[in-house]
Every structure is written in C-alpha cells, then in structure tokens.
C-alpha cells in the first residue's frame, strides 16, 4: 500500500460492515447489543466506499456484518470490487447459509477467502451461538464443497 501520510491507517484492508442483519443469536455479539433494529448499507453507498477505497490505495476488501450472506447486494459488490482491481476479498460468515449453490457462486471469485467462526466444540458453540448452530455451520463447511477456495475457521475463545 502506498504511503499516505500519518492521517491514513496502516491497515492494508478496507473493512465494511454491510449489514447488521444476522440469523444467529450470539451472546457476545456487538451487533445484538445495539438493540432489535437491523440495518443494511445501501448498495450504492458501499460501491462508493469500495471505489474510494481503491482510489486511496486499498487492494484488499473485508466484508462483514451481521451476516453478510443476508445482504442482497453481496455478489454485486464482489463483482464491482474485483472489476475495480481489488486483489483479494475476505468474507466473514457464520457459515450456516453456505449452501452448495452459494458456495459455487462464491468459488467463482479468484481472490475471495472465507472466515467461518466456530466457538469451539459443539456444546460450547451452541451455548454461545444458539442451539443447533454448530451442526448448521458444519453443514455449510467448505470441507464438503465441490468447488474449493481459501477459507479459515476462526476459533473464538469466549467465556460461556
């Protein structure tokens, strides 16, 4: 990343929380702490942020939420970002919505990686994220996909 002076962050990744909508009920989540209202950024606003980020020198994009797979413009923004010239994108997800169809679409992006969070073994994960969420996360696991692309499980240590 080009040297932008002291006012610019040293991070080389542009991070955007595209939605606060989520299909999990994690006890530790900062999104839930905001109350019951859920918000999503307008696709046009995110496109502007992505463009301006690229113009400022960012080449890596990080999309998060809530659950970004619930945001209706996700693939449009990924298309736009890679067309702009972004080299890589990281998508944080709880993994429960990663159907074979969704994973096939995401696998079409060269440079896209996934971060799937697990809170630990089934009992701990379900206590933190809701009953049955461990199995739903593993059902969407990249280990079961035909198209394979980079992913990371992010084990989180949390007191439950």
Protein backbone atom coordinates (compact mmCIF):
# COMPACT_ATOMS: atom_id res chain seq x y z
CA UNK A 1 0.00 0.00 0.00
CA UNK A 2 1.32 3.40 -0.90
CA UNK A 3 2.49 5.67 1.89
CA UNK A 4 -0.42 8.01 2.50
CA UNK A 5 0.95 10.05 5.38
CA UNK A 6 0.03 9.97 9.02
CA UNK A 7 -3.71 10.53 8.61
CA UNK A 8 -4.25 7.19 6.86
CA UNK A 9 -4.48 3.88 8.69
CA UNK A 10 -1.58 1.46 8.42
CA UNK A 11 -4.01 -1.36 7.63
CA UNK A 12 -3.98 -2.51 4.00
CA UNK A 13 -7.54 -3.85 4.07
CA UNK A 14 -10.73 -1.86 3.66
CA UNK A 15 -13.30 -3.29 6.08
CA UNK A 16 -17.03 -2.68 5.61
CA UNK A 17 -19.87 -3.88 7.83
CA UNK A 18 -22.55 -4.19 5.15
CA UNK A 19 -25.42 -5.26 7.39
CA UNK A 20 -26.38 -5.82 10.98
CA UNK A 21 -28.90 -8.48 9.95
CA UNK A 22 -27.98 -11.93 11.22
CA UNK A 23 -29.52 -15.38 11.54
CA UNK A 24 -27.54 -16.23 14.69
CA UNK A 25 -28.08 -15.13 18.27
CA UNK A 26 -24.55 -14.97 19.63
CA UNK A 27 -24.38 -13.97 23.27
CA UNK A 28 -21.23 -11.90 22.75
CA UNK A 29 -22.20 -10.06 19.56
CA UNK A 30 -21.77 -6.29 19.43
CA UNK A 31 -24.42 -6.14 16.69
CA UNK A 32 -27.08 -7.55 19.04
CA UNK A 33 -26.04 -5.06 21.73
CA UNK A 34 -27.38 -2.25 19.53
CA UNK A 35 -30.95 -3.44 20.04
CA UNK A 36 -33.54 -5.14 17.86
CA UNK A 37 -33.29 -2.82 14.84
CA UNK A 38 -31.33 -4.17 11.90
CA UNK A 39 -29.76 -2.06 9.20
CA UNK A 40 -28.05 -2.64 5.90
CA UNK A 41 -25.95 -0.22 3.90
CA UNK A 42 -27.33 0.82 0.55
CA UNK A 43 -25.53 -0.93 -2.32
CA UNK A 44 -24.73 2.41 -3.96
CA UNK A 45 -23.07 3.67 -0.79
CA UNK A 46 -20.96 0.50 -0.49
CA UNK A 47 -19.98 0.81 -4.15
CA UNK A 48 -18.83 4.38 -3.50
CA UNK A 49 -16.83 3.29 -0.44
CA UNK A 50 -15.23 0.46 -2.44
CA UNK A 51 -14.32 2.83 -5.29
CA UNK A 52 -12.94 5.50 -2.97
CA UNK A 53 -11.03 2.86 -1.04
CA UNK A 54 -9.42 1.65 -4.23
CA UNK A 55 -8.55 5.22 -5.21
CA UNK A 56 -6.97 5.66 -1.75
CA UNK A 57 -4.75 2.63 -2.31
CA UNK A 58 -6.61 -0.27 -0.75
CA UNK A 59 -6.30 -3.55 -2.63
CA UNK A 60 -7.85 -5.92 -0.10
CA UNK A 61 -11.50 -5.82 0.90
CA UNK A 62 -13.10 -7.24 4.06
CA UNK A 63 -16.90 -7.63 4.15
CA UNK A 64 -18.57 -8.41 7.43
CA UNK A 65 -21.76 -7.89 9.38
CA UNK A 66 -24.06 -9.21 10.98
CA UNK A 67 -24.20 -11.98 8.43
CA UNK A 68 -23.08 -10.62 5.04
CA UNK A 69 -24.70 -13.54 3.20
CA UNK A 70 -28.05 -11.97 4.17
CA UNK A 71 -27.13 -8.74 2.36
CA UNK A 72 -28.81 -8.76 -1.04
CA UNK A 73 -26.03 -6.89 -2.88
CA UNK A 74 -23.12 -9.08 -1.77
CA UNK A 75 -22.25 -10.63 -5.14
CA UNK A 76 -22.83 -7.34 -6.96
CA UNK A 77 -20.28 -5.64 -4.70
CA UNK A 78 -17.81 -8.50 -5.07
CA UNK A 79 -18.20 -8.25 -8.86
CA UNK A 80 -17.62 -4.49 -8.66
CA UNK A 81 -14.64 -4.73 -6.30
CA UNK A 82 -12.78 -7.30 -8.38
CA UNK A 83 -13.57 -5.35 -11.57
CA UNK A 84 -12.09 -2.25 -9.89
CA UNK A 85 -8.86 -4.17 -9.34
CA UNK A 86 -9.04 -5.40 -5.76
CA UNK A 87 -6.61 -8.30 -5.40
CA UNK A 88 -8.39 -10.09 -2.57
CA UNK A 89 -11.54 -10.07 -0.50
CA UNK A 90 -12.34 -11.72 2.82
CA UNK A 91 -15.88 -12.56 3.81
CA UNK A 92 -16.74 -13.18 7.48
CA UNK A 93 -19.66 -15.56 7.89
CA UNK A 94 -21.18 -17.84 10.48
CA UNK A 95 -21.27 -20.50 7.75
CA UNK A 96 -24.90 -21.51 8.21
CA UNK A 97 -26.03 -20.10 4.85
CA UNK A 98 -23.26 -21.67 2.78
CA UNK A 99 -25.32 -23.98 0.64
CA UNK A 100 -23.72 -25.77 -2.32
CA UNK A 101 -25.30 -23.16 -4.62
CA UNK A 102 -23.96 -20.22 -2.63
CA UNK A 103 -20.52 -21.77 -2.31
CA UNK A 104 -20.38 -22.48 -6.04
CA UNK A 105 -21.13 -18.82 -6.76
CA UNK A 106 -18.52 -17.62 -4.25
CA UNK A 107 -15.93 -20.09 -5.56
CA UNK A 108 -16.08 -18.26 -8.88
CA UNK A 109 -14.19 -15.31 -7.38
CA UNK A 110 -10.44 -15.56 -7.76
CA UNK A 111 -9.04 -13.98 -4.60
CA UNK A 112 -12.02 -14.49 -2.30
CA UNK A 113 -11.43 -16.11 1.07
CA UNK A 114 -13.90 -17.03 3.78
CA UNK A 115 -13.64 -16.74 7.53
CA UNK A 116 -16.04 -19.08 9.33
CA UNK A 117 -16.27 -18.70 13.09
CA UNK A 118 -16.51 -21.64 15.47
CA UNK A 119 -16.65 -21.05 19.21
CA UNK A 120 -15.17 -24.48 19.96
CA UNK A 121 -16.75 -27.92 20.40
CA UNK A 122 -20.49 -28.38 19.71
CA UNK A 123 -21.64 -27.77 23.28
CA UNK A 124 -19.72 -24.52 23.69
CA UNK A 125 -20.55 -23.27 20.20
CA UNK A 126 -24.28 -23.93 20.65
CA UNK A 127 -24.29 -22.30 24.09
CA UNK A 128 -22.79 -19.13 22.59
CA UNK A 129 -24.46 -19.04 19.15
CA UNK A 130 -27.72 -20.88 19.72
CA UNK A 131 -28.85 -24.49 19.82
CA UNK A 132 -28.12 -26.40 16.62
CA UNK A 133 -25.80 -23.74 15.19
CA UNK A 134 -22.72 -25.98 15.37
CA UNK A 135 -24.31 -28.54 13.04
CA UNK A 136 -25.64 -25.82 10.70
CA UNK A 137 -22.16 -24.30 10.50
CA UNK A 138 -20.53 -27.62 9.67
CA UNK A 139 -23.22 -28.43 7.08
CA UNK A 140 -22.06 -25.33 5.23
CA UNK A 141 -18.42 -26.21 5.79
CA UNK A 142 -16.04 -25.71 2.88
CA UNK A 143 -14.77 -29.24 3.54
CA UNK A 144 -17.99 -30.53 1.95
CA UNK A 145 -17.93 -28.35 -1.14
CA UNK A 146 -17.03 -29.45 -4.63
CA UNK A 147 -15.58 -26.04 -5.52
CA UNK A 148 -12.77 -25.33 -3.09
CA UNK A 149 -11.30 -21.95 -2.26
CA UNK A 150 -9.36 -20.49 0.67
CA UNK A 151 -11.16 -20.46 3.98
CA UNK A 152 -10.29 -20.17 7.63
CA UNK A 153 -12.10 -21.33 10.70
CA UNK A 154 -11.66 -18.71 13.38
CA UNK A 155 -11.96 -20.38 16.74
CA UNK A 156 -13.02 -17.80 19.25
CA UNK A 157 -12.26 -18.12 22.92
CA UNK A 158 -15.21 -16.82 24.84
CA UNK A 159 -16.46 -17.37 28.33
CA UNK A 160 -19.79 -19.12 28.06
